[in-house]
N, C-alpha and C. Protein backbone atom coordinates (compact mmCIF):
# COMPACT_ATOMS: atom_id res chain seq x y z
N UNK A 1 0.74 -43.10 64.07
CA UNK A 1 0.50 -42.27 65.05
C UNK A 1 -1.04 -42.30 65.85
N UNK A 2 -0.65 -42.39 67.25
CA UNK A 2 -2.25 -42.71 67.61
C UNK A 2 -3.20 -41.44 68.08
N UNK A 3 -4.06 -41.71 68.04
CA UNK A 3 -5.37 -41.03 68.45
C UNK A 3 -5.97 -41.32 69.90
N UNK A 4 -5.71 -40.31 70.70
CA UNK A 4 -6.59 -40.36 71.99
C UNK A 4 -7.53 -39.78 71.82
N UNK A 5 -8.65 -40.55 72.53
CA UNK A 5 -10.21 -39.81 72.67
C UNK A 5 -10.62 -39.64 74.04
N UNK A 6 -11.19 -38.84 74.08
CA UNK A 6 -11.87 -38.62 75.62
C UNK A 6 -13.15 -37.45 75.39
N UNK A 7 -14.18 -38.08 76.20
CA UNK A 7 -15.69 -37.28 76.27
C UNK A 7 -15.90 -36.23 77.43
N UNK A 8 -16.08 -35.04 76.75
CA UNK A 8 -16.46 -34.16 77.70
C UNK A 8 -17.43 -34.21 78.43
N UNK A 9 -17.49 -33.39 79.70
CA UNK A 9 -18.62 -33.42 80.43
C UNK A 9 -20.04 -33.15 80.01
N UNK A 10 -19.67 -32.26 78.65
CA UNK A 10 -21.13 -31.87 77.70
C UNK A 10 -21.27 -32.60 76.82
N UNK A 11 -20.76 -33.67 76.91
CA UNK A 11 -21.09 -34.69 75.89
C UNK A 11 -20.30 -34.43 74.49
N UNK A 12 -19.62 -33.19 74.43
CA UNK A 12 -19.00 -33.56 73.05
C UNK A 12 -17.27 -34.81 73.34
N UNK A 13 -17.00 -34.87 72.04
CA UNK A 13 -15.84 -35.63 71.95
C UNK A 13 -14.37 -34.85 71.29
N UNK A 14 -13.32 -35.03 72.04
CA UNK A 14 -12.23 -34.59 71.80
C UNK A 14 -11.06 -35.64 71.17
N UNK A 15 -10.46 -35.26 70.29
CA UNK A 15 -9.36 -36.46 69.62
C UNK A 15 -8.11 -35.61 69.68
N UNK A 16 -7.04 -36.39 70.29
CA UNK A 16 -5.84 -35.69 70.32
C UNK A 16 -4.64 -36.31 69.67
N UNK A 17 -3.87 -35.85 68.88
CA UNK A 17 -2.59 -36.87 68.39
C UNK A 17 -1.68 -36.30 69.18
N UNK A 18 -1.11 -37.39 70.11
CA UNK A 18 0.07 -37.09 71.29
C UNK A 18 1.12 -36.71 70.42
N UNK A 19 1.61 -37.44 69.31
CA UNK A 19 2.88 -37.24 68.68
C UNK A 19 3.06 -35.82 68.11
N UNK A 20 2.03 -35.17 67.88
CA UNK A 20 2.01 -33.82 67.45
C UNK A 20 1.41 -32.45 68.15
N UNK A 21 2.35 -32.37 69.05
CA UNK A 21 1.66 -31.00 70.21
C UNK A 21 0.70 -30.28 69.45
N UNK A 22 -0.30 -30.23 70.26
CA UNK A 22 -1.51 -29.22 70.02
C UNK A 22 -2.56 -29.51 68.87
N UNK A 23 -2.39 -30.84 68.51
CA UNK A 23 -3.46 -31.43 67.18
C UNK A 23 -4.24 -31.78 68.13
N UNK A 24 -5.58 -31.46 68.53
CA UNK A 24 -6.61 -31.66 68.71
C UNK A 24 -7.93 -31.29 68.17
N UNK A 25 -9.02 -31.90 68.28
CA UNK A 25 -10.26 -31.33 67.49
C UNK A 25 -11.19 -32.10 68.59
N UNK A 26 -12.28 -30.91 68.39
CA UNK A 26 -13.90 -31.71 69.15
C UNK A 26 -14.77 -31.99 68.11
N UNK A 27 -15.89 -32.97 68.43
CA UNK A 27 -16.74 -33.63 67.51
C UNK A 27 -17.68 -33.72 68.29
N UNK A 28 -19.10 -33.77 68.01
CA UNK A 28 -20.11 -34.12 68.30
C UNK A 28 -20.19 -35.84 68.44
N UNK A 29 -19.34 -36.57 67.73
CA UNK A 29 -19.33 -38.00 68.24
C UNK A 29 -17.64 -38.15 68.04
N UNK A 30 -17.79 -39.56 68.28
CA UNK A 30 -16.47 -39.94 68.07
C UNK A 30 -15.63 -39.77 66.77
N UNK A 31 -16.54 -40.62 65.96
CA UNK A 31 -15.93 -40.38 64.49
C UNK A 31 -15.98 -39.00 64.10
N UNK A 32 -16.66 -38.01 64.28
CA UNK A 32 -16.26 -36.50 63.64
C UNK A 32 -15.09 -36.37 64.20
N UNK A 33 -14.88 -36.31 65.68
CA UNK A 33 -13.68 -35.99 66.13
C UNK A 33 -12.26 -36.45 65.62
N UNK A 34 -12.61 -37.94 65.55
CA UNK A 34 -11.54 -38.63 64.69
C UNK A 34 -11.16 -38.11 63.33
N UNK A 35 -12.33 -37.76 62.63
CA UNK A 35 -12.14 -37.37 61.18
C UNK A 35 -11.52 -36.13 61.12
N UNK A 36 -12.02 -35.03 62.02
CA UNK A 36 -11.41 -33.39 62.02
C UNK A 36 -10.01 -33.51 62.56
N UNK A 37 -9.55 -34.64 63.63
CA UNK A 37 -7.82 -34.70 64.04
C UNK A 37 -7.24 -35.23 62.99
N UNK A 38 -7.83 -35.93 62.13
CA UNK A 38 -6.66 -36.41 61.23
C UNK A 38 -6.46 -35.59 60.11
N UNK A 39 -7.52 -34.71 59.55
CA UNK A 39 -7.50 -33.55 58.61
C UNK A 39 -6.60 -32.65 59.28
N UNK A 40 -6.62 -32.33 60.53
CA UNK A 40 -5.79 -31.43 60.89
C UNK A 40 -4.41 -31.88 61.24
N UNK A 41 -4.46 -33.29 61.48
CA UNK A 41 -2.46 -33.83 62.02
C UNK A 41 -2.31 -33.43 60.37
N UNK A 42 -2.87 -34.05 59.07
CA UNK A 42 -2.27 -34.07 57.80
C UNK A 42 -1.83 -32.28 57.43
N UNK A 43 -3.00 -31.40 57.76
CA UNK A 43 -2.54 -30.10 57.44
C UNK A 43 -0.89 -29.84 58.10
N UNK A 44 -1.04 -30.11 59.56
CA UNK A 44 0.14 -29.48 60.28
C UNK A 44 1.53 -30.49 59.73
N UNK A 45 1.38 -31.69 59.40
CA UNK A 45 2.55 -32.32 58.64
C UNK A 45 2.84 -31.63 57.29
N UNK A 46 1.85 -31.47 56.53
CA UNK A 46 2.10 -30.68 55.18
C UNK A 46 2.81 -29.41 55.53
N UNK A 47 2.63 -28.90 56.49
CA UNK A 47 2.94 -27.31 56.80
C UNK A 47 4.67 -27.30 57.54
N UNK A 48 4.77 -28.64 58.15
CA UNK A 48 6.30 -28.43 58.32
C UNK A 48 7.30 -29.04 57.09
N UNK A 49 6.40 -30.12 56.44
CA UNK A 49 7.39 -30.26 55.28
C UNK A 49 7.66 -29.02 54.56
N UNK A 50 6.51 -28.38 54.40
CA UNK A 50 6.69 -27.26 53.63
C UNK A 50 7.89 -26.45 53.85
N UNK A 51 8.10 -26.37 55.48
CA UNK A 51 9.05 -25.37 56.08
C UNK A 51 10.19 -25.86 56.36
N UNK A 52 10.65 -27.26 55.84
CA UNK A 52 11.77 -27.86 55.77
C UNK A 52 12.20 -28.38 57.07
N UNK A 53 10.76 -28.77 57.90
CA UNK A 53 10.75 -29.24 59.08
C UNK A 53 10.87 -30.82 59.18
N UNK A 54 11.83 -31.49 59.88
CA UNK A 54 11.72 -32.98 59.83
C UNK A 54 10.73 -33.34 60.61
N UNK A 55 10.32 -34.63 60.07
CA UNK A 55 8.82 -35.37 60.45
C UNK A 55 9.52 -36.63 61.11
N UNK A 56 9.94 -37.06 62.18
CA UNK A 56 10.67 -38.35 62.27
C UNK A 56 9.51 -39.27 62.45
N UNK A 57 7.84 -38.97 62.55
CA UNK A 57 7.05 -39.95 62.59
C UNK A 57 7.13 -40.36 61.30
N UNK A 58 7.31 -40.01 60.06
CA UNK A 58 7.37 -40.05 58.81
C UNK A 58 8.34 -40.75 58.09
N UNK A 59 9.30 -41.04 58.96
CA UNK A 59 10.69 -42.02 58.71
C UNK A 59 10.49 -43.13 57.90
N UNK A 60 9.66 -43.80 58.26
CA UNK A 60 9.76 -45.05 57.40
C UNK A 60 8.45 -44.79 56.33
N UNK A 61 7.64 -43.94 56.15
CA UNK A 61 6.67 -43.75 55.00
C UNK A 61 7.47 -43.39 53.81
N UNK A 62 8.15 -42.48 53.65
CA UNK A 62 9.01 -42.21 52.55
C UNK A 62 10.37 -42.71 52.29
N UNK A 63 10.58 -43.45 51.37
CA UNK A 63 11.68 -44.29 51.12
C UNK A 63 12.63 -43.60 49.92
N UNK A 64 13.86 -43.54 50.05
CA UNK A 64 14.69 -43.22 49.07
C UNK A 64 15.24 -41.43 49.59
N UNK A 65 16.18 -40.76 48.53
CA UNK A 65 16.75 -39.79 48.84
C UNK A 65 15.80 -38.83 49.62
N UNK A 66 15.99 -37.60 50.21
CA UNK A 66 15.40 -36.46 50.83
C UNK A 66 14.97 -35.36 49.90
């Protein structure tokens, strides 16, 4: 999954995972924004798995029977 970064006019950084709609986070630095968006992406993925939703992005991560 790719993380996109952009800096707001007020100096804050925003990181977004475009493969997971709505997964974005702000940080005071690039590193902080990246760490926050990674954590959020993992929470979203875990929630989807717990609810039986398919995660196409993880198709190659897990091997064997579902």
